[in-house]
């Protein structure tokens, strides 16, 4: 009887540790989520902020071909090293 009790007790201990760690992780994620929920990702700038934007036209087919050939030749699309 003692032969099967010890492995069963060890399995129960492993399950309890797993359940406790899972619960801790779950409530930790809930806590972090609640902390960041009140943060606004896109707040309006304060003071004398200036909105910076650069409009550009969609490149034509020759630009894409040129970039593709440059990428295959050098291995990157930024140029240089």
Foldseek 3Di string as FASTA:
>chain_A
DVVVVVVVVVVVVVVVVVVVVVVVVVVVVVVVCVVCVPDDPDDDDDDPDDDDDDDDDDDDPVVVVVQVVVCVVPVDRPDDD
